[in-house]
Amino acid sequence: MTRKDYIAFARILREIKPRKDNSADDYGAKLSQWGKMIEAIAGVFEDGNERFDREKFFKACGYLD
């Protein structure tokens, strides 16, 4: 994969980040699942590219906001 691919994935993951609103009683659970998904994807990217920067990817996804 290329940097362009990682950026595209990060944009998608940022867009689907759960948002807190008045009707979201399960916001915490959704946010937790979203985080687990990002960590799993980052693990796959790391396995495929030794230069993959996990922290940079997390920031791009909005996971470390």
PDB file of N, CA and C in Angstrom:
ATOM      1  N   MET A   1       0.841  -1.181   0.000  1.00  0.00           N
ATOM      2  CA  MET A   1       0.000   0.000   0.000  1.00  0.00           C
ATOM      3  C   MET A   1       0.886   1.244   0.000  1.00  0.00           C
ATOM      4  N   THR A   2       0.293   2.325  -0.446  1.00  0.00           N
ATOM      5  CA  THR A   2       1.029   3.578  -0.515  1.00  0.00           C
ATOM      6  C   THR A   2       0.496   4.562   0.525  1.00  0.00           C
ATOM      7  N   ARG A   3       1.228   5.644   0.692  1.00  0.00           N
ATOM      8  CA  ARG A   3       0.802   6.701   1.616  1.00  0.00           C
ATOM      9  C   ARG A   3      -0.595   7.198   1.245  1.00  0.00           C
ATOM     10  N   LYS A   4      -0.841   7.287  -0.036  1.00  0.00           N
ATOM     11  CA  LYS A   4      -2.145   7.731  -0.535  1.00  0.00           C
ATOM     12  C   LYS A   4      -3.266   6.813  -0.015  1.00  0.00           C
ATOM     13  N   ASP A   5      -3.005   5.527   0.028  1.00  0.00           N
ATOM     14  CA  ASP A   5      -3.992   4.561   0.530  1.00  0.00           C
ATOM     15  C   ASP A   5      -4.237   4.763   2.031  1.00  0.00           C
ATOM     16  N   TYR A   6      -3.157   4.955   2.785  1.00  0.00           N
ATOM     17  CA  TYR A   6      -3.296   5.170   4.233  1.00  0.00           C
ATOM     18  C   TYR A   6      -4.109   6.439   4.513  1.00  0.00           C
ATOM     19  N   ILE A   7      -3.865   7.468   3.736  1.00  0.00           N
ATOM     20  CA  ILE A   7      -4.599   8.723   3.895  1.00  0.00           C
ATOM     21  C   ILE A   7      -6.076   8.510   3.594  1.00  0.00           C
ATOM     22  N   ALA A   8      -6.372   7.753   2.551  1.00  0.00           N
ATOM     23  CA  ALA A   8      -7.766   7.477   2.200  1.00  0.00           C
ATOM     24  C   ALA A   8      -8.475   6.709   3.320  1.00  0.00           C
ATOM     25  N   PHE A   9      -7.809   5.711   3.875  1.00  0.00           N
ATOM     26  CA  PHE A   9      -8.392   4.956   4.985  1.00  0.00           C
ATOM     27  C   PHE A   9      -8.631   5.869   6.186  1.00  0.00           C
ATOM     28  N   ALA A  10      -7.661   6.723   6.499  1.00  0.00           N
ATOM     29  CA  ALA A  10      -7.792   7.627   7.644  1.00  0.00           C
ATOM     30  C   ALA A  10      -8.988   8.566   7.459  1.00  0.00           C
ATOM     31  N   ARG A  11      -9.176   9.074   6.254  1.00  0.00           N
ATOM     32  CA  ARG A  11     -10.327   9.955   5.986  1.00  0.00           C
ATOM     33  C   ARG A  11     -11.648   9.221   6.210  1.00  0.00           C
ATOM     34  N   ILE A  12     -11.722   8.009   5.708  1.00  0.00           N
ATOM     35  CA  ILE A  12     -12.948   7.218   5.873  1.00  0.00           C
ATOM     36  C   ILE A  12     -13.212   6.959   7.355  1.00  0.00           C
ATOM     37  N   LEU A  13     -12.183   6.561   8.081  1.00  0.00           N
ATOM     38  CA  LEU A  13     -12.357   6.257   9.501  1.00  0.00           C
ATOM     39  C   LEU A  13     -12.726   7.507  10.298  1.00  0.00           C
ATOM     40  N   ARG A  14     -12.183   8.645   9.922  1.00  0.00           N
ATOM     41  CA  ARG A  14     -12.546   9.903  10.585  1.00  0.00           C
ATOM     42  C   ARG A  14     -14.020  10.226  10.324  1.00  0.00           C
ATOM     43  N   GLU A  15     -14.457  10.001   9.103  1.00  0.00           N
ATOM     44  CA  GLU A  15     -15.853  10.305   8.737  1.00  0.00           C
ATOM     45  C   GLU A  15     -16.860   9.432   9.478  1.00  0.00           C
ATOM     46  N   ILE A  16     -16.483   8.200   9.801  1.00  0.00           N
ATOM     47  CA  ILE A  16     -17.441   7.311  10.469  1.00  0.00           C
ATOM     48  C   ILE A  16     -17.299   7.329  11.992  1.00  0.00           C
ATOM     49  N   LYS A  17     -16.464   8.228  12.504  1.00  0.00           N
ATOM     50  CA  LYS A  17     -16.298   8.337  13.959  1.00  0.00           C
ATOM     51  C   LYS A  17     -17.653   8.638  14.595  1.00  0.00           C
ATOM     52  N   PRO A  18     -18.032   7.877  15.608  1.00  0.00           N
ATOM     53  CA  PRO A  18     -19.324   8.130  16.270  1.00  0.00           C
ATOM     54  C   PRO A  18     -19.377   9.546  16.835  1.00  0.00           C
ATOM     55  N   ARG A  19     -20.528  10.153  16.713  1.00  0.00           N
ATOM     56  CA  ARG A  19     -20.750  11.500  17.230  1.00  0.00           C
ATOM     57  C   ARG A  19     -21.697  11.422  18.421  1.00  0.00           C
ATOM     58  N   LYS A  20     -21.417  12.221  19.403  1.00  0.00           N
ATOM     59  CA  LYS A  20     -22.279  12.241  20.578  1.00  0.00           C
ATOM     60  C   LYS A  20     -23.462  13.161  20.301  1.00  0.00           C
ATOM     61  N   ASP A  21     -24.657  12.634  20.481  1.00  0.00           N
ATOM     62  CA  ASP A  21     -25.853  13.456  20.367  1.00  0.00           C
ATOM     63  C   ASP A  21     -26.837  13.036  21.465  1.00  0.00           C
ATOM     64  N   ASN A  22     -27.933  13.723  21.557  1.00  0.00           N
ATOM     65  CA  ASN A  22     -28.877  13.479  22.643  1.00  0.00           C
ATOM     66  C   ASN A  22     -29.490  12.086  22.621  1.00  0.00           C
ATOM     67  N   SER A  23     -29.590  11.475  21.461  1.00  0.00           N
ATOM     68  CA  SER A  23     -30.242  10.167  21.361  1.00  0.00           C
ATOM     69  C   SER A  23     -29.264   8.994  21.426  1.00  0.00           C
ATOM     70  N   ALA A  24     -27.993   9.273  21.582  1.00  0.00           N
ATOM     71  CA  ALA A  24     -26.982   8.208  21.528  1.00  0.00           C
ATOM     72  C   ALA A  24     -26.638   7.698  22.921  1.00  0.00           C
ATOM     73  N   ASP A  25     -27.470   6.828  23.458  1.00  0.00           N
ATOM     74  CA  ASP A  25     -27.207   6.243  24.765  1.00  0.00           C
ATOM     75  C   ASP A  25     -26.004   5.312  24.720  1.00  0.00           C
ATOM     76  N   ASP A  26     -25.733   4.729  23.577  1.00  0.00           N
ATOM     77  CA  ASP A  26     -24.640   3.778  23.447  1.00  0.00           C
ATOM     78  C   ASP A  26     -23.403   4.405  22.789  1.00  0.00           C
ATOM     79  N   TYR A  27     -23.245   5.707  22.937  1.00  0.00           N
ATOM     80  CA  TYR A  27     -22.117   6.427  22.345  1.00  0.00           C
ATOM     81  C   TYR A  27     -20.774   5.822  22.771  1.00  0.00           C
ATOM     82  N   GLY A  28     -20.626   5.544  24.063  1.00  0.00           N
ATOM     83  CA  GLY A  28     -19.367   4.991  24.572  1.00  0.00           C
ATOM     84  C   GLY A  28     -19.026   3.659  23.939  1.00  0.00           C
ATOM     85  N   ALA A  29     -20.033   2.801  23.775  1.00  0.00           N
ATOM     86  CA  ALA A  29     -19.808   1.489  23.162  1.00  0.00           C
ATOM     87  C   ALA A  29     -19.416   1.643  21.695  1.00  0.00           C
ATOM     88  N   LYS A  30     -20.089   2.540  21.001  1.00  0.00           N
ATOM     89  CA  LYS A  30     -19.769   2.769  19.587  1.00  0.00           C
ATOM     90  C   LYS A  30     -18.361   3.326  19.438  1.00  0.00           C
ATOM     91  N   LEU A  31     -17.994   4.250  20.304  1.00  0.00           N
ATOM     92  CA  LEU A  31     -16.669   4.847  20.253  1.00  0.00           C
ATOM     93  C   LEU A  31     -15.594   3.796  20.539  1.00  0.00           C
ATOM     94  N   SER A  32     -15.871   2.910  21.476  1.00  0.00           N
ATOM     95  CA  SER A  32     -14.942   1.835  21.801  1.00  0.00           C
ATOM     96  C   SER A  32     -14.752   0.888  20.619  1.00  0.00           C
ATOM     97  N   GLN A  33     -15.827   0.510  19.975  1.00  0.00           N
ATOM     98  CA  GLN A  33     -15.740  -0.375  18.811  1.00  0.00           C
ATOM     99  C   GLN A  33     -14.986   0.295  17.667  1.00  0.00           C
ATOM    100  N   TRP A  34     -15.235   1.579  17.464  1.00  0.00           N
ATOM    101  CA  TRP A  34     -14.549   2.352  16.421  1.00  0.00           C
ATOM    102  C   TRP A  34     -13.040   2.353  16.703  1.00  0.00           C
ATOM    103  N   GLY A  35     -12.667   2.561  17.971  1.00  0.00           N
ATOM    104  CA  GLY A  35     -11.254   2.556  18.342  1.00  0.00           C
ATOM    105  C   GLY A  35     -10.604   1.204  18.126  1.00  0.00           C
ATOM    106  N   LYS A  36     -11.309   0.142  18.467  1.00  0.00           N
ATOM    107  CA  LYS A  36     -10.775  -1.209  18.254  1.00  0.00           C
ATOM    108  C   LYS A  36     -10.557  -1.471  16.767  1.00  0.00           C
ATOM    109  N   MET A  37     -11.470  -0.980  15.940  1.00  0.00           N
ATOM    110  CA  MET A  37     -11.346  -1.158  14.495  1.00  0.00           C
ATOM    111  C   MET A  37     -10.097  -0.431  13.982  1.00  0.00           C
ATOM    112  N   ILE A  38      -9.879   0.797  14.446  1.00  0.00           N
ATOM    113  CA  ILE A  38      -8.703   1.563  14.017  1.00  0.00           C
ATOM    114  C   ILE A  38      -7.419   0.863  14.452  1.00  0.00           C
ATOM    115  N   GLU A  39      -7.391   0.370  15.679  1.00  0.00           N
ATOM    116  CA  GLU A  39      -6.192  -0.324  16.161  1.00  0.00           C
ATOM    117  C   GLU A  39      -5.920  -1.597  15.362  1.00  0.00           C
ATOM    118  N   ALA A  40      -6.972  -2.317  15.005  1.00  0.00           N
ATOM    119  CA  ALA A  40      -6.807  -3.543  14.215  1.00  0.00           C
ATOM    120  C   ALA A  40      -6.290  -3.223  12.812  1.00  0.00           C
ATOM    121  N   ILE A  41      -6.855  -2.210  12.198  1.00  0.00           N
ATOM    122  CA  ILE A  41      -6.421  -1.816  10.859  1.00  0.00           C
ATOM    123  C   ILE A  41      -4.965  -1.351  10.902  1.00  0.00           C
ATOM    124  N   ALA A  42      -4.620  -0.570  11.911  1.00  0.00           N
ATOM    125  CA  ALA A  42      -3.240  -0.101  12.050  1.00  0.00           C
ATOM    126  C   ALA A  42      -2.284  -1.290  12.210  1.00  0.00           C
ATOM    127  N   GLY A  43      -2.720  -2.321  12.911  1.00  0.00           N
ATOM    128  CA  GLY A  43      -1.896  -3.519  13.065  1.00  0.00           C
ATOM    129  C   GLY A  43      -1.615  -4.194  11.734  1.00  0.00           C
ATOM    130  N   VAL A  44      -2.621  -4.267  10.901  1.00  0.00           N
ATOM    131  CA  VAL A  44      -2.450  -4.861   9.566  1.00  0.00           C
ATOM    132  C   VAL A  44      -1.485  -4.011   8.734  1.00  0.00           C
ATOM    133  N   PHE A  45      -1.677  -2.696   8.779  1.00  0.00           N
ATOM    134  CA  PHE A  45      -0.799  -1.798   8.023  1.00  0.00           C
ATOM    135  C   PHE A  45       0.644  -1.908   8.514  1.00  0.00           C
ATOM    136  N   GLU A  46       0.816  -2.011   9.823  1.00  0.00           N
ATOM    137  CA  GLU A  46       2.144  -2.136  10.406  1.00  0.00           C
ATOM    138  C   GLU A  46       2.833  -3.425   9.973  1.00  0.00           C
ATOM    139  N   ASP A  47       2.064  -4.511   9.937  1.00  0.00           N
ATOM    140  CA  ASP A  47       2.619  -5.800   9.507  1.00  0.00           C
ATOM    141  C   ASP A  47       3.086  -5.749   8.056  1.00  0.00           C
ATOM    142  N   GLY A  48       2.419  -4.952   7.251  1.00  0.00           N
ATOM    143  CA  GLY A  48       2.751  -4.879   5.833  1.00  0.00           C
ATOM    144  C   GLY A  48       3.784  -3.832   5.478  1.00  0.00           C
ATOM    145  N   ASN A  49       4.090  -2.932   6.432  1.00  0.00           N
ATOM    146  CA  ASN A  49       5.021  -1.849   6.124  1.00  0.00           C
ATOM    147  C   ASN A  49       5.748  -1.449   7.405  1.00  0.00           C
ATOM    148  N   GLU A  50       7.016  -1.757   7.476  1.00  0.00           N
ATOM    149  CA  GLU A  50       7.794  -1.460   8.681  1.00  0.00           C
ATOM    150  C   GLU A  50       7.940   0.035   8.948  1.00  0.00           C
ATOM    151  N   ARG A  51       7.710   0.865   7.931  1.00  0.00           N
ATOM    152  CA  ARG A  51       7.815   2.317   8.091  1.00  0.00           C
ATOM    153  C   ARG A  51       6.484   2.968   8.453  1.00  0.00           C
ATOM    154  N   PHE A  52       5.426   2.175   8.553  1.00  0.00           N
ATOM    155  CA  PHE A  52       4.110   2.702   8.900  1.00  0.00           C
ATOM    156  C   PHE A  52       4.172   3.377  10.270  1.00  0.00           C
ATOM    157  N   ASP A  53       3.637   4.592  10.344  1.00  0.00           N
ATOM    158  CA  ASP A  53       3.655   5.372  11.585  1.00  0.00           C
ATOM    159  C   ASP A  53       2.273   5.300  12.240  1.00  0.00           C
ATOM    160  N   ARG A  54       2.165   4.432  13.229  1.00  0.00           N
ATOM    161  CA  ARG A  54       0.896   4.167  13.913  1.00  0.00           C
ATOM    162  C   ARG A  54       0.310   5.448  14.536  1.00  0.00           C
ATOM    163  N   GLU A  55       1.144   6.214  15.223  1.00  0.00           N
ATOM    164  CA  GLU A  55       0.659   7.429  15.886  1.00  0.00           C
ATOM    165  C   GLU A  55       0.156   8.455  14.875  1.00  0.00           C
ATOM    166  N   LYS A  56       0.858   8.602  13.795  1.00  0.00           N
ATOM    167  CA  LYS A  56       0.445   9.539  12.746  1.00  0.00           C
ATOM    168  C   LYS A  56      -0.904   9.108  12.155  1.00  0.00           C
ATOM    169  N   PHE A  57      -1.070   7.806  11.960  1.00  0.00           N
ATOM    170  CA  PHE A  57      -2.323   7.272  11.436  1.00  0.00           C
ATOM    171  C   PHE A  57      -3.463   7.526  12.422  1.00  0.00           C
ATOM    172  N   PHE A  58      -3.210   7.280  13.709  1.00  0.00           N
ATOM    173  CA  PHE A  58      -4.237   7.524  14.733  1.00  0.00           C
ATOM    174  C   PHE A  58      -4.676   8.988  14.724  1.00  0.00           C
ATOM    175  N   LYS A  59      -3.714   9.892  14.622  1.00  0.00           N
ATOM    176  CA  LYS A  59      -4.041  11.322  14.591  1.00  0.00           C
ATOM    177  C   LYS A  59      -4.864  11.642  13.343  1.00  0.00           C
ATOM    178  N   ALA A  60      -4.480  11.079  12.211  1.00  0.00           N
ATOM    179  CA  ALA A  60      -5.201  11.346  10.963  1.00  0.00           C
ATOM    180  C   ALA A  60      -6.637  10.832  11.007  1.00  0.00           C
ATOM    181  N   CYS A  61      -6.847   9.759  11.768  1.00  0.00           N
ATOM    182  CA  CYS A  61      -8.193   9.191  11.905  1.00  0.00           C
ATOM    183  C   CYS A  61      -9.050   9.972  12.900  1.00  0.00           C
ATOM    184  N   GLY A  62      -8.412  10.804  13.701  1.00  0.00           N
ATOM    185  CA  GLY A  62      -9.124  11.502  14.761  1.00  0.00           C
ATOM    186  C   GLY A  62      -9.186  10.698  16.051  1.00  0.00           C
ATOM    187  N   TYR A  63      -8.382   9.653  16.112  1.00  0.00           N
ATOM    188  CA  TYR A  63      -8.381   8.763  17.283  1.00  0.00           C
ATOM    189  C   TYR A  63      -7.629   9.386  18.448  1.00  0.00           C
ATOM    190  N   LEU A  64      -6.668  10.253  18.178  1.00  0.00           N
ATOM    191  CA  LEU A  64      -5.893  10.908  19.242  1.00  0.00           C
ATOM    192  C   LEU A  64      -6.215  12.390  19.334  1.00  0.00           C
ATOM    193  N   ASP A  65      -7.438  12.765  19.049  1.00  0.00           N
ATOM    194  CA  ASP A  65      -7.828  14.183  19.138  1.00  0.00           C
ATOM    195  C   ASP A  65      -7.876  14.653  20.566  1.00  0.00           C
TER     196      ASP A  65
END
